[in-house]
Amino acid sequence: MTKLSIAGILIAGIMIVSCGSKEEKKVENTVPSVQPTKIGELKIAYYDQDSLKLNFKYYKEQDAIVTKKQIALQKELETRGARIQADYNSFMKRAQNNELSQVESEGIQANLQNQQLEFEKYQQEAGARLEKETMDKLETIGNKIDKFSEKYCKLHNIDILMIHAKGGQFNYINPKMNVTKEFTAFLNQNQEQIEKEMGKK
């Protein structure tokens, strides 16, 4: 059914309601008029992406590595930032006590400005490197999951293996089609081969 025909039906429905008796309260029909589509003998299953991330051991290991690096970078940035702040506080105290000549004051201010610029540059570059490393890991892991999903489907004669994720295209899928637990177990059982193919020593 096209968008135009859907719009026409909605308009017609509004016209019918408006033309009816005001005293009668119409109850909307919640039964869909969509005709069922026969898919023959296709065997369709799905896995929940969020659950897989929580239970796929290799994914959790890589996620822990990235998280550890993120925490380390955050601490390093906090330490550098605190050092610059301490230098600034010292300068302000000396300036307020008239302990600095104009030349000394200008020199310290220039140094503080350079420290701030270097800090911002390092923050951007280090953050970008870590983000790229994270994205590369996710892409590589995703590719391996795709490869092993093909093996899993061939092993169990599954024609279509879908990914179900929060905010995805599927609002509801019959839980009987859920193979998340089994597929995750399959990935964990093949973790050694996955690590080998990804070059992990």
N, C-alpha and C. Protein backbone atom coordinates (compact mmCIF):
# COMPACT_ATOMS: atom_id res chain seq x y z
N MET A 1 0.85 -1.20 0.00
CA MET A 1 0.00 0.00 0.00
C MET A 1 0.88 1.24 0.00
N THR A 2 0.63 2.15 -0.86
CA THR A 2 1.46 3.34 -0.98
C THR A 2 1.11 4.34 0.09
N LYS A 3 2.01 5.33 0.31
CA LYS A 3 1.76 6.38 1.29
C LYS A 3 0.52 7.17 0.92
N LEU A 4 0.30 7.37 -0.40
CA LEU A 4 -0.85 8.14 -0.87
C LEU A 4 -2.15 7.45 -0.49
N SER A 5 -2.20 6.11 -0.71
CA SER A 5 -3.42 5.38 -0.40
C SER A 5 -3.67 5.34 1.09
N ILE A 6 -2.60 5.25 1.91
CA ILE A 6 -2.74 5.27 3.36
C ILE A 6 -3.31 6.61 3.80
N ALA A 7 -2.78 7.69 3.23
CA ALA A 7 -3.27 9.02 3.57
C ALA A 7 -4.74 9.16 3.19
N GLY A 8 -5.12 8.59 2.03
CA GLY A 8 -6.51 8.67 1.57
C GLY A 8 -7.45 7.96 2.52
N ILE A 9 -7.02 6.80 3.03
CA ILE A 9 -7.85 6.04 3.95
C ILE A 9 -8.03 6.81 5.26
N LEU A 10 -6.93 7.45 5.73
CA LEU A 10 -7.01 8.22 6.96
C LEU A 10 -7.98 9.38 6.83
N ILE A 11 -7.90 10.06 5.69
CA ILE A 11 -8.79 11.20 5.45
C ILE A 11 -10.24 10.73 5.39
N ALA A 12 -10.46 9.61 4.68
CA ALA A 12 -11.81 9.06 4.57
C ALA A 12 -12.35 8.67 5.93
N GLY A 13 -11.47 8.08 6.76
CA GLY A 13 -11.89 7.67 8.10
C GLY A 13 -12.29 8.87 8.93
N ILE A 14 -11.53 9.96 8.81
CA ILE A 14 -11.85 11.18 9.55
C ILE A 14 -13.19 11.74 9.10
N MET A 15 -13.43 11.70 7.79
CA MET A 15 -14.69 12.22 7.25
C MET A 15 -15.87 11.40 7.75
N ILE A 16 -15.71 10.08 7.82
CA ILE A 16 -16.79 9.21 8.27
C ILE A 16 -17.13 9.49 9.74
N VAL A 17 -16.08 9.64 10.56
CA VAL A 17 -16.29 9.92 11.97
C VAL A 17 -16.99 11.25 12.16
N SER A 18 -16.57 12.25 11.40
CA SER A 18 -17.13 13.58 11.56
C SER A 18 -18.57 13.66 11.09
N CYS A 19 -18.93 12.78 10.16
CA CYS A 19 -20.29 12.80 9.63
C CYS A 19 -21.25 11.96 10.47
N GLY A 20 -20.74 11.13 11.38
CA GLY A 20 -21.59 10.26 12.17
C GLY A 20 -22.25 11.01 13.31
N SER A 21 -23.03 10.29 14.07
CA SER A 21 -23.75 10.88 15.19
C SER A 21 -22.77 11.27 16.28
N LYS A 22 -22.91 12.43 16.82
CA LYS A 22 -22.02 12.92 17.86
C LYS A 22 -22.22 12.14 19.16
N GLU A 23 -23.41 11.55 19.31
CA GLU A 23 -23.72 10.85 20.54
C GLU A 23 -23.03 9.49 20.59
N GLU A 24 -22.73 8.87 19.42
CA GLU A 24 -22.08 7.56 19.38
C GLU A 24 -20.58 7.72 19.49
N LYS A 25 -19.98 6.96 20.38
CA LYS A 25 -18.54 6.98 20.54
C LYS A 25 -17.94 5.81 19.77
N LYS A 26 -17.21 6.12 18.71
CA LYS A 26 -16.63 5.08 17.85
C LYS A 26 -15.41 4.45 18.52
N VAL A 27 -15.29 3.15 18.44
CA VAL A 27 -14.14 2.43 18.96
C VAL A 27 -13.24 2.06 17.80
N GLU A 28 -11.99 2.49 17.89
CA GLU A 28 -11.04 2.21 16.79
C GLU A 28 -10.70 0.73 16.74
N ASN A 29 -10.62 0.24 15.54
CA ASN A 29 -10.27 -1.16 15.32
C ASN A 29 -8.76 -1.33 15.41
N THR A 30 -8.29 -2.20 16.29
CA THR A 30 -6.86 -2.42 16.47
C THR A 30 -6.35 -3.64 15.73
N VAL A 31 -7.23 -4.33 15.02
CA VAL A 31 -6.83 -5.53 14.27
C VAL A 31 -6.24 -5.09 12.93
N PRO A 32 -4.98 -5.42 12.65
CA PRO A 32 -4.37 -4.99 11.39
C PRO A 32 -4.99 -5.71 10.20
N SER A 33 -5.06 -5.01 9.07
CA SER A 33 -5.62 -5.60 7.85
C SER A 33 -4.53 -6.10 6.92
N VAL A 34 -3.29 -6.14 7.43
CA VAL A 34 -2.16 -6.60 6.62
C VAL A 34 -2.29 -8.08 6.34
N GLN A 35 -2.16 -8.45 5.08
CA GLN A 35 -2.25 -9.85 4.70
C GLN A 35 -0.94 -10.57 5.04
N PRO A 36 -1.01 -11.76 5.63
CA PRO A 36 0.21 -12.50 5.98
C PRO A 36 0.97 -12.93 4.72
N THR A 37 2.30 -12.88 4.85
CA THR A 37 3.16 -13.29 3.74
C THR A 37 3.77 -14.65 4.03
N LYS A 38 3.59 -15.59 3.15
CA LYS A 38 4.16 -16.92 3.33
C LYS A 38 5.62 -16.91 2.90
N ILE A 39 6.47 -17.42 3.78
CA ILE A 39 7.90 -17.42 3.47
C ILE A 39 8.43 -18.84 3.23
N GLY A 40 7.52 -19.75 2.95
CA GLY A 40 7.94 -21.11 2.61
C GLY A 40 8.63 -21.81 3.74
N GLU A 41 9.77 -22.42 3.42
CA GLU A 41 10.49 -23.21 4.41
C GLU A 41 11.71 -22.49 4.96
N LEU A 42 11.75 -21.17 4.85
CA LEU A 42 12.89 -20.42 5.36
C LEU A 42 13.00 -20.57 6.88
N LYS A 43 14.21 -20.76 7.35
CA LYS A 43 14.46 -20.87 8.78
C LYS A 43 15.12 -19.56 9.23
N ILE A 44 14.38 -18.78 10.01
CA ILE A 44 14.85 -17.46 10.40
C ILE A 44 15.08 -17.41 11.90
N ALA A 45 16.19 -16.80 12.31
CA ALA A 45 16.52 -16.64 13.73
C ALA A 45 17.12 -15.26 13.93
N TYR A 46 17.31 -14.91 15.19
CA TYR A 46 17.95 -13.62 15.48
C TYR A 46 18.75 -13.72 16.78
N TYR A 47 19.69 -12.78 16.94
CA TYR A 47 20.39 -12.67 18.23
C TYR A 47 20.31 -11.23 18.70
N ASP A 48 20.25 -11.07 20.02
CA ASP A 48 20.16 -9.75 20.63
C ASP A 48 21.57 -9.17 20.77
N GLN A 49 21.80 -8.05 20.13
CA GLN A 49 23.15 -7.47 20.09
C GLN A 49 23.66 -7.08 21.47
N ASP A 50 22.80 -6.48 22.28
CA ASP A 50 23.23 -6.05 23.62
C ASP A 50 23.59 -7.24 24.50
N SER A 51 22.78 -8.30 24.43
CA SER A 51 23.07 -9.50 25.23
C SER A 51 24.36 -10.16 24.76
N LEU A 52 24.58 -10.16 23.46
CA LEU A 52 25.80 -10.76 22.93
C LEU A 52 27.04 -10.02 23.45
N LYS A 53 26.96 -8.68 23.49
CA LYS A 53 28.09 -7.89 23.98
C LYS A 53 28.39 -8.19 25.44
N LEU A 54 27.35 -8.49 26.20
CA LEU A 54 27.53 -8.77 27.63
C LEU A 54 28.10 -10.16 27.89
N ASN A 55 27.88 -11.09 26.96
CA ASN A 55 28.26 -12.48 27.21
C ASN A 55 29.33 -13.05 26.27
N PHE A 56 29.66 -12.33 25.21
CA PHE A 56 30.72 -12.76 24.32
C PHE A 56 32.06 -12.41 24.98
N LYS A 57 32.79 -13.41 25.41
CA LYS A 57 34.00 -13.21 26.23
C LYS A 57 35.04 -12.33 25.54
N TYR A 58 35.28 -12.59 24.27
CA TYR A 58 36.31 -11.82 23.57
C TYR A 58 35.93 -10.35 23.48
N TYR A 59 34.66 -10.08 23.22
CA TYR A 59 34.20 -8.69 23.16
C TYR A 59 34.41 -8.01 24.51
N LYS A 60 34.05 -8.70 25.59
CA LYS A 60 34.20 -8.13 26.93
C LYS A 60 35.68 -7.85 27.24
N GLU A 61 36.57 -8.76 26.82
CA GLU A 61 38.00 -8.57 27.05
C GLU A 61 38.52 -7.32 26.34
N GLN A 62 38.13 -7.18 25.07
CA GLN A 62 38.57 -6.02 24.30
C GLN A 62 37.96 -4.73 24.83
N ASP A 63 36.72 -4.80 25.26
CA ASP A 63 36.06 -3.63 25.82
C ASP A 63 36.74 -3.20 27.12
N ALA A 64 37.18 -4.18 27.92
CA ALA A 64 37.88 -3.88 29.17
C ALA A 64 39.22 -3.20 28.90
N ILE A 65 39.90 -3.64 27.83
CA ILE A 65 41.19 -3.04 27.47
C ILE A 65 41.00 -1.57 27.09
N VAL A 66 40.00 -1.32 26.26
CA VAL A 66 39.72 0.05 25.82
C VAL A 66 39.31 0.92 27.01
N THR A 67 38.45 0.37 27.87
CA THR A 67 37.99 1.12 29.05
C THR A 67 39.16 1.48 29.96
N LYS A 68 40.08 0.56 30.12
CA LYS A 68 41.27 0.80 30.95
C LYS A 68 42.10 1.94 30.37
N LYS A 69 42.24 1.96 29.05
CA LYS A 69 43.00 3.03 28.39
C LYS A 69 42.28 4.38 28.53
N GLN A 70 40.97 4.34 28.44
CA GLN A 70 40.19 5.57 28.59
C GLN A 70 40.35 6.16 29.99
N ILE A 71 40.33 5.30 31.00
CA ILE A 71 40.49 5.74 32.39
C ILE A 71 41.89 6.31 32.60
N ALA A 72 42.90 5.63 32.03
CA ALA A 72 44.29 6.08 32.16
C ALA A 72 44.48 7.45 31.51
N LEU A 73 43.89 7.63 30.33
CA LEU A 73 43.99 8.91 29.64
C LEU A 73 43.31 10.01 30.44
N GLN A 74 42.15 9.71 30.99
CA GLN A 74 41.41 10.69 31.78
C GLN A 74 42.22 11.13 33.00
N LYS A 75 42.85 10.17 33.67
CA LYS A 75 43.68 10.50 34.83
C LYS A 75 44.88 11.35 34.44
N GLU A 76 45.49 11.00 33.30
CA GLU A 76 46.65 11.77 32.82
C GLU A 76 46.25 13.21 32.50
N LEU A 77 45.10 13.37 31.86
CA LEU A 77 44.63 14.71 31.53
C LEU A 77 44.31 15.51 32.79
N GLU A 78 43.74 14.85 33.77
CA GLU A 78 43.43 15.52 35.03
C GLU A 78 44.71 15.97 35.74
N THR A 79 45.76 15.12 35.69
CA THR A 79 47.04 15.46 36.31
C THR A 79 47.68 16.65 35.61
N ARG A 80 47.69 16.62 34.28
CA ARG A 80 48.27 17.73 33.52
C ARG A 80 47.49 19.02 33.75
N GLY A 81 46.18 18.90 33.76
CA GLY A 81 45.34 20.07 33.97
C GLY A 81 45.56 20.67 35.35
N ALA A 82 45.70 19.81 36.36
CA ALA A 82 45.93 20.28 37.73
C ALA A 82 47.27 20.99 37.84
N ARG A 83 48.28 20.50 37.11
CA ARG A 83 49.61 21.13 37.13
C ARG A 83 49.55 22.53 36.53
N ILE A 84 48.83 22.68 35.44
CA ILE A 84 48.69 24.00 34.81
C ILE A 84 47.93 24.94 35.74
N GLN A 85 46.88 24.41 36.39
CA GLN A 85 46.08 25.22 37.32
C GLN A 85 46.93 25.69 38.50
N ALA A 86 47.80 24.79 39.00
CA ALA A 86 48.68 25.14 40.12
C ALA A 86 49.65 26.25 39.72
N ASP A 87 50.19 26.16 38.51
CA ASP A 87 51.11 27.20 38.02
C ASP A 87 50.38 28.53 37.89
N TYR A 88 49.14 28.46 37.42
CA TYR A 88 48.34 29.68 37.26
C TYR A 88 48.04 30.31 38.63
N ASN A 89 47.67 29.48 39.60
CA ASN A 89 47.36 29.98 40.94
C ASN A 89 48.59 30.62 41.58
N SER A 90 49.76 30.01 41.36
CA SER A 90 51.01 30.56 41.89
C SER A 90 51.31 31.91 41.26
N PHE A 91 51.09 32.01 39.96
CA PHE A 91 51.33 33.27 39.25
C PHE A 91 50.40 34.37 39.78
N MET A 92 49.12 34.04 39.96
CA MET A 92 48.15 35.02 40.44
C MET A 92 48.50 35.52 41.85
N LYS A 93 48.95 34.58 42.68
CA LYS A 93 49.31 34.95 44.05
C LYS A 93 50.50 35.90 44.05
N ARG A 94 51.50 35.60 43.25
CA ARG A 94 52.68 36.46 43.18
C ARG A 94 52.35 37.81 42.56
N ALA A 95 51.46 37.78 41.57
CA ALA A 95 51.06 39.03 40.92
C ALA A 95 50.31 39.94 41.90
N GLN A 96 49.42 39.35 42.69
CA GLN A 96 48.65 40.13 43.67
C GLN A 96 49.53 40.70 44.78
N ASN A 97 50.63 40.01 45.08
CA ASN A 97 51.57 40.49 46.11
C ASN A 97 52.66 41.39 45.53
N ASN A 98 52.51 41.74 44.24
CA ASN A 98 53.48 42.62 43.55
C ASN A 98 54.90 42.07 43.62
N GLU A 99 55.03 40.76 43.45
CA GLU A 99 56.34 40.12 43.50
C GLU A 99 56.98 39.98 42.12
N LEU A 100 56.25 40.39 41.08
CA LEU A 100 56.74 40.19 39.72
C LEU A 100 56.91 41.52 38.99
N SER A 101 57.97 41.58 38.22
CA SER A 101 58.15 42.75 37.35
C SER A 101 57.26 42.55 36.12
N GLN A 102 57.11 43.56 35.31
CA GLN A 102 56.26 43.45 34.12
C GLN A 102 56.82 42.40 33.16
N VAL A 103 58.14 42.41 33.04
CA VAL A 103 58.79 41.44 32.14
C VAL A 103 58.56 40.02 32.62
N GLU A 104 58.73 39.80 33.95
CA GLU A 104 58.51 38.47 34.51
C GLU A 104 57.05 38.04 34.34
N SER A 105 56.13 38.96 34.59
CA SER A 105 54.71 38.68 34.47
C SER A 105 54.33 38.27 33.04
N GLU A 106 54.84 39.01 32.08
CA GLU A 106 54.55 38.71 30.68
C GLU A 106 55.14 37.36 30.28
N GLY A 107 56.34 37.06 30.79
CA GLY A 107 56.98 35.78 30.47
C GLY A 107 56.20 34.60 31.02
N ILE A 108 55.73 34.72 32.27
CA ILE A 108 54.96 33.64 32.90
C ILE A 108 53.62 33.45 32.20
N GLN A 109 52.97 34.57 31.84
CA GLN A 109 51.69 34.47 31.14
C GLN A 109 51.84 33.78 29.79
N ALA A 110 52.93 34.11 29.09
CA ALA A 110 53.18 33.46 27.79
C ALA A 110 53.42 31.97 27.97
N ASN A 111 54.14 31.61 29.04
CA ASN A 111 54.42 30.20 29.32
C ASN A 111 53.14 29.45 29.67
N LEU A 112 52.28 30.09 30.47
CA LEU A 112 51.00 29.47 30.82
C LEU A 112 50.13 29.26 29.59
N GLN A 113 50.14 30.23 28.70
CA GLN A 113 49.35 30.12 27.48
C GLN A 113 49.85 28.97 26.61
N ASN A 114 51.19 28.84 26.52
CA ASN A 114 51.77 27.73 25.74
C ASN A 114 51.42 26.38 26.36
N GLN A 115 51.45 26.32 27.69
CA GLN A 115 51.09 25.07 28.38
C GLN A 115 49.64 24.68 28.07
N GLN A 116 48.76 25.68 28.08
CA GLN A 116 47.35 25.42 27.81
C GLN A 116 47.14 24.93 26.38
N LEU A 117 47.83 25.56 25.43
CA LEU A 117 47.69 25.16 24.03
C LEU A 117 48.22 23.75 23.81
N GLU A 118 49.36 23.43 24.43
CA GLU A 118 49.93 22.09 24.31
C GLU A 118 49.01 21.05 24.94
N PHE A 119 48.40 21.42 26.06
CA PHE A 119 47.47 20.52 26.74
C PHE A 119 46.26 20.22 25.86
N GLU A 120 45.70 21.25 25.26
CA GLU A 120 44.52 21.06 24.40
C GLU A 120 44.87 20.23 23.17
N LYS A 121 46.06 20.47 22.61
CA LYS A 121 46.50 19.71 21.44
C LYS A 121 46.66 18.24 21.79
N TYR A 122 47.32 17.97 22.94
CA TYR A 122 47.52 16.60 23.37
C TYR A 122 46.19 15.91 23.65
N GLN A 123 45.29 16.62 24.29
CA GLN A 123 43.97 16.08 24.61
C GLN A 123 43.22 15.66 23.36
N GLN A 124 43.26 16.50 22.33
CA GLN A 124 42.57 16.19 21.08
C GLN A 124 43.22 15.02 20.36
N GLU A 125 44.56 15.03 20.27
CA GLU A 125 45.27 13.98 19.53
C GLU A 125 45.16 12.63 20.23
N ALA A 126 45.36 12.62 21.56
CA ALA A 126 45.27 11.37 22.32
C ALA A 126 43.84 10.82 22.29
N GLY A 127 42.87 11.71 22.40
CA GLY A 127 41.47 11.29 22.34
C GLY A 127 41.12 10.71 20.98
N ALA A 128 41.63 11.35 19.92
CA ALA A 128 41.36 10.87 18.56
C ALA A 128 42.00 9.50 18.32
N ARG A 129 43.22 9.30 18.84
CA ARG A 129 43.92 8.01 18.67
C ARG A 129 43.15 6.90 19.38
N LEU A 130 42.69 7.19 20.58
CA LEU A 130 41.97 6.17 21.34
C LEU A 130 40.61 5.87 20.70
N GLU A 131 39.98 6.89 20.18
CA GLU A 131 38.69 6.69 19.51
C GLU A 131 38.87 5.84 18.25
N LYS A 132 39.93 6.11 17.50
CA LYS A 132 40.21 5.32 16.29
C LYS A 132 40.52 3.87 16.65
N GLU A 133 41.29 3.68 17.70
CA GLU A 133 41.62 2.32 18.14
C GLU A 133 40.35 1.57 18.53
N THR A 134 39.46 2.26 19.24
CA THR A 134 38.20 1.65 19.65
C THR A 134 37.34 1.27 18.45
N MET A 135 37.22 2.20 17.49
CA MET A 135 36.42 1.94 16.30
C MET A 135 37.00 0.79 15.47
N ASP A 136 38.34 0.74 15.38
CA ASP A 136 39.00 -0.33 14.63
C ASP A 136 38.73 -1.69 15.28
N LYS A 137 38.78 -1.72 16.62
CA LYS A 137 38.50 -2.96 17.34
C LYS A 137 37.07 -3.42 17.10
N LEU A 138 36.14 -2.47 17.21
CA LEU A 138 34.73 -2.81 17.01
C LEU A 138 34.47 -3.31 15.60
N GLU A 139 35.12 -2.66 14.62
CA GLU A 139 34.93 -3.08 13.23
C GLU A 139 35.48 -4.49 13.01
N THR A 140 36.66 -4.75 13.55
CA THR A 140 37.28 -6.06 13.39
C THR A 140 36.45 -7.15 14.07
N ILE A 141 36.00 -6.86 15.29
CA ILE A 141 35.17 -7.83 16.01
C ILE A 141 33.87 -8.07 15.26
N GLY A 142 33.28 -6.98 14.75
CA GLY A 142 32.03 -7.10 13.98
C GLY A 142 32.21 -7.98 12.76
N ASN A 143 33.34 -7.82 12.07
CA ASN A 143 33.63 -8.63 10.89
C ASN A 143 33.76 -10.11 11.25
N LYS A 144 34.39 -10.38 12.40
CA LYS A 144 34.55 -11.76 12.83
C LYS A 144 33.21 -12.38 13.23
N ILE A 145 32.36 -11.57 13.87
CA ILE A 145 31.03 -12.06 14.23
C ILE A 145 30.24 -12.40 12.97
N ASP A 146 30.37 -11.54 11.96
CA ASP A 146 29.70 -11.81 10.69
C ASP A 146 30.18 -13.13 10.08
N LYS A 147 31.49 -13.33 10.11
CA LYS A 147 32.07 -14.54 9.52
C LYS A 147 31.60 -15.79 10.26
N PHE A 148 31.60 -15.72 11.59
CA PHE A 148 31.21 -16.89 12.37
C PHE A 148 29.70 -17.07 12.41
N SER A 149 28.96 -16.00 12.15
CA SER A 149 27.50 -16.16 12.03
C SER A 149 27.18 -16.96 10.77
N GLU A 150 27.98 -16.76 9.72
CA GLU A 150 27.79 -17.54 8.49
C GLU A 150 28.06 -19.02 8.77
N LYS A 151 29.13 -19.29 9.51
CA LYS A 151 29.45 -20.67 9.85
C LYS A 151 28.35 -21.28 10.71
N TYR A 152 27.85 -20.49 11.64
CA TYR A 152 26.80 -20.97 12.54
C TYR A 152 25.53 -21.30 11.76
N CYS A 153 25.18 -20.43 10.83
CA CYS A 153 23.97 -20.64 10.02
C CYS A 153 24.09 -21.88 9.14
N LYS A 154 25.25 -22.07 8.54
CA LYS A 154 25.46 -23.24 7.69
C LYS A 154 25.42 -24.52 8.52
N LEU A 155 25.95 -24.43 9.74
CA LEU A 155 25.99 -25.59 10.62
C LEU A 155 24.58 -26.02 11.05
N HIS A 156 23.70 -25.03 11.23
CA HIS A 156 22.35 -25.33 11.74
C HIS A 156 21.25 -25.06 10.72
N ASN A 157 21.64 -24.94 9.46
CA ASN A 157 20.67 -24.75 8.37
C ASN A 157 19.73 -23.54 8.58
N ILE A 158 20.32 -22.45 9.06
CA ILE A 158 19.56 -21.21 9.24
C ILE A 158 19.71 -20.37 7.97
N ASP A 159 18.59 -19.95 7.41
CA ASP A 159 18.62 -19.18 6.16
C ASP A 159 18.89 -17.69 6.41
N ILE A 160 18.31 -17.15 7.48
CA ILE A 160 18.47 -15.73 7.79
C ILE A 160 18.74 -15.59 9.28
N LEU A 161 19.85 -14.90 9.63
CA LEU A 161 20.17 -14.60 11.03
C LEU A 161 20.17 -13.08 11.18
N MET A 162 19.17 -12.58 11.90
CA MET A 162 19.01 -11.14 12.04
C MET A 162 19.63 -10.65 13.35
N ILE A 163 19.94 -9.35 13.37
CA ILE A 163 20.45 -8.70 14.57
C ILE A 163 19.34 -7.86 15.18
N HIS A 164 19.05 -8.12 16.44
CA HIS A 164 18.04 -7.31 17.12
C HIS A 164 18.74 -6.39 18.11
N ALA A 165 18.47 -5.09 17.99
CA ALA A 165 19.11 -4.12 18.87
C ALA A 165 18.11 -3.05 19.27
N LYS A 166 18.33 -2.46 20.42
CA LYS A 166 17.45 -1.40 20.89
C LYS A 166 17.51 -0.23 19.92
N GLY A 167 16.33 0.23 19.50
CA GLY A 167 16.29 1.33 18.53
C GLY A 167 16.48 0.87 17.11
N GLY A 168 16.48 -0.46 16.89
CA GLY A 168 16.67 -0.99 15.55
C GLY A 168 15.38 -0.99 14.74
N GLN A 169 15.39 -1.73 13.64
CA GLN A 169 14.26 -1.73 12.72
C GLN A 169 13.12 -2.63 13.17
N PHE A 170 13.39 -3.57 14.07
CA PHE A 170 12.36 -4.52 14.48
C PHE A 170 11.81 -4.15 15.86
N ASN A 171 10.53 -3.82 15.91
CA ASN A 171 9.90 -3.52 17.20
C ASN A 171 9.62 -4.79 17.99
N TYR A 172 9.31 -5.86 17.29
CA TYR A 172 9.01 -7.13 17.96
C TYR A 172 9.42 -8.29 17.08
N ILE A 173 10.03 -9.28 17.71
CA ILE A 173 10.36 -10.53 17.03
C ILE A 173 9.96 -11.66 17.96
N ASN A 174 9.34 -12.69 17.43
CA ASN A 174 8.90 -13.83 18.22
C ASN A 174 10.09 -14.42 18.99
N PRO A 175 10.00 -14.48 20.31
CA PRO A 175 11.11 -15.01 21.12
C PRO A 175 11.53 -16.43 20.74
N LYS A 176 10.65 -17.16 20.09
CA LYS A 176 11.00 -18.52 19.66
C LYS A 176 12.13 -18.52 18.64
N MET A 177 12.34 -17.35 18.00
CA MET A 177 13.39 -17.24 16.99
C MET A 177 14.72 -16.79 17.59
N ASN A 178 14.73 -16.57 18.90
CA ASN A 178 15.92 -16.04 19.58
C ASN A 178 16.98 -17.13 19.79
N VAL A 179 18.15 -16.94 19.20
CA VAL A 179 19.25 -17.90 19.36
C VAL A 179 20.47 -17.21 19.99
N THR A 180 20.23 -16.12 20.71
CA THR A 180 21.33 -15.35 21.29
C THR A 180 22.22 -16.21 22.18
N LYS A 181 21.59 -16.95 23.08
CA LYS A 181 22.35 -17.79 24.02
C LYS A 181 23.21 -18.81 23.28
N GLU A 182 22.61 -19.47 22.33
CA GLU A 182 23.33 -20.52 21.59
C GLU A 182 24.42 -19.94 20.70
N PHE A 183 24.12 -18.82 20.03
CA PHE A 183 25.10 -18.20 19.13
C PHE A 183 26.27 -17.65 19.93
N THR A 184 25.98 -17.06 21.09
CA THR A 184 27.06 -16.54 21.95
C THR A 184 27.95 -17.67 22.43
N ALA A 185 27.33 -18.79 22.80
CA ALA A 185 28.10 -19.95 23.22
C ALA A 185 28.99 -20.45 22.08
N PHE A 186 28.47 -20.41 20.87
CA PHE A 186 29.23 -20.83 19.69
C PHE A 186 30.45 -19.93 19.50
N LEU A 187 30.26 -18.62 19.67
CA LEU A 187 31.37 -17.68 19.54
C LEU A 187 32.41 -17.92 20.63
N ASN A 188 31.95 -18.13 21.86
CA ASN A 188 32.88 -18.37 22.96
C ASN A 188 33.67 -19.65 22.76
N GLN A 189 33.01 -20.68 22.21
CA GLN A 189 33.69 -21.94 21.96
C GLN A 189 34.74 -21.81 20.86
N ASN A 190 34.54 -20.84 19.98
CA ASN A 190 35.48 -20.62 18.89
C ASN A 190 36.38 -19.41 19.14
N GLN A 191 36.46 -18.97 20.39
CA GLN A 191 37.23 -17.77 20.71
C GLN A 191 38.70 -17.90 20.34
N GLU A 192 39.26 -19.08 20.57
CA GLU A 192 40.68 -19.29 20.25
C GLU A 192 40.95 -19.04 18.77
N GLN A 193 40.07 -19.54 17.92
CA GLN A 193 40.23 -19.34 16.48
C GLN A 193 40.01 -17.88 16.11
N ILE A 194 39.03 -17.24 16.77
CA ILE A 194 38.76 -15.82 16.51
C ILE A 194 39.99 -14.98 16.86
N GLU A 195 40.58 -15.26 18.02
CA GLU A 195 41.78 -14.52 18.45
C GLU A 195 42.94 -14.76 17.49
N LYS A 196 43.07 -15.99 17.04
CA LYS A 196 44.13 -16.34 16.11
C LYS A 196 44.00 -15.57 14.82
N GLU A 197 42.78 -15.50 14.30
CA GLU A 197 42.53 -14.79 13.04
C GLU A 197 42.69 -13.29 13.19
N MET A 198 42.49 -12.78 14.42
CA MET A 198 42.63 -11.35 14.65
C MET A 198 44.07 -10.98 15.01
N GLY A 199 44.94 -11.99 15.07
CA GLY A 199 46.36 -11.71 15.30
C GLY A 199 46.73 -11.55 16.74
N LYS A 200 45.87 -12.00 17.66
CA LYS A 200 46.19 -11.90 19.07
C LYS A 200 47.14 -13.01 19.47
N LYS A 201 48.22 -12.63 20.17
CA LYS A 201 49.22 -13.62 20.56
C LYS A 201 48.86 -14.23 21.91
